[in-house]
Protein backbone atom coordinates (compact mmCIF):
# COMPACT_ATOMS: atom_id res chain seq x y z
CA UNK A 1 125.17 122.94 149.39
CA UNK A 2 127.50 120.85 147.30
CA UNK A 3 129.53 118.03 148.84
CA UNK A 4 133.21 118.34 148.13
CA UNK A 5 136.10 115.97 148.42
CA UNK A 6 139.63 116.36 149.68
CA UNK A 7 142.35 115.02 151.94
CA UNK A 8 143.31 115.86 155.46
CA UNK A 9 146.40 118.04 155.37
CA UNK A 10 146.96 117.99 159.17
CA UNK A 11 144.76 117.48 162.16
CA UNK A 12 145.80 118.28 165.79
CA UNK A 13 143.75 116.02 168.04
CA UNK A 14 144.91 117.96 171.14
CA UNK A 15 143.71 121.24 169.85
CA UNK A 16 140.78 119.80 167.99
CA UNK A 17 141.13 121.25 164.52
CA UNK A 18 143.04 120.87 161.27
CA UNK A 19 142.82 121.58 157.55
CA UNK A 20 141.56 119.89 154.43
CA UNK A 21 143.10 120.24 150.96
CA UNK A 22 140.22 120.22 148.48
CA UNK A 23 140.56 117.91 145.51
CA UNK A 24 139.20 120.75 143.21
CA UNK A 25 141.96 123.20 144.33
CA UNK A 26 141.66 126.44 146.12
CA UNK A 27 142.28 127.49 149.67
CA UNK A 28 142.75 124.93 152.43
CA UNK A 29 139.58 124.45 154.40
CA UNK A 30 139.55 124.67 158.26
CA UNK A 31 137.89 121.84 160.12
CA UNK A 32 136.96 121.58 163.80
CA UNK A 33 136.76 118.25 165.60
CA UNK A 34 133.03 118.88 166.35
CA UNK A 35 132.35 118.75 162.59
CA UNK A 36 133.81 115.29 162.07
CA UNK A 37 131.11 112.69 161.43
CA UNK A 38 133.17 109.66 162.16
CA UNK A 39 135.74 108.52 164.77
CA UNK A 40 138.00 111.52 165.28
CA UNK A 41 141.09 109.32 165.45
CA UNK A 42 140.45 108.18 161.85
CA UNK A 43 141.25 111.60 160.50
CA UNK A 44 145.05 111.58 159.99
CA UNK A 45 147.15 113.27 157.30
CA UNK A 46 146.24 111.87 153.83
CA UNK A 47 142.85 110.62 154.80
CA UNK A 48 140.32 111.05 151.97
CA UNK A 49 137.17 112.92 153.14
CA UNK A 50 133.94 114.37 151.84
CA UNK A 51 132.62 117.59 153.27
CA UNK A 52 130.52 120.70 152.89
CA UNK A 53 132.06 124.15 153.34
CA UNK A 54 130.90 127.67 154.21
CA UNK A 55 132.74 130.92 154.42
CA UNK A 56 133.90 131.52 158.02
CA UNK A 57 135.35 134.59 159.67
CA UNK A 58 138.91 133.61 158.57
CA UNK A 59 138.19 131.69 155.35
CA UNK A 60 136.47 128.48 154.30
CA UNK A 61 135.23 126.23 157.11
CA UNK A 62 134.20 122.58 156.65
CA UNK A 63 131.23 120.84 158.26
CA UNK A 64 129.53 117.47 157.93
CA UNK A 65 132.96 115.90 157.34
CA UNK A 66 133.04 112.19 156.82
CA UNK A 67 135.46 109.55 155.53
CA UNK A 68 135.32 109.02 151.82
CA UNK A 69 135.47 105.65 150.08
CA UNK A 70 135.62 103.65 153.29
CA UNK A 71 138.42 105.78 154.80
CA UNK A 72 141.06 105.42 151.98
CA UNK A 73 144.30 106.81 153.22
CA UNK A 74 147.54 107.51 151.44
CA UNK A 75 150.97 107.71 152.97
CA UNK A 76 153.16 110.85 152.49
CA UNK A 77 156.92 110.99 152.53
CA UNK A 78 156.67 112.74 155.94
CA UNK A 79 154.65 109.88 157.29
CA UNK A 80 156.13 106.44 156.85
CA UNK A 81 153.85 103.46 156.47
CA UNK A 82 153.42 101.25 159.48
CA UNK A 83 153.77 97.56 159.20
CA UNK A 84 151.90 95.25 161.62
């Protein structure tokens, strides 16, 4: 399998799943909390990730998901940056 890269589009910690937008384009990839290799709270919108994918019943499904580049994260217009 080939490792791919992308960014978390959205992730619902309560329901335990979300979607990744692949950097190489194509369909958004479903990801379940059980397939996250790092601290689940680290996977917010805009978080850069690396993952592998397979075809699931309803489309592509990610597994072996981990933070990319030390967890680089960008802020979107819908998510204001937080100052400490």
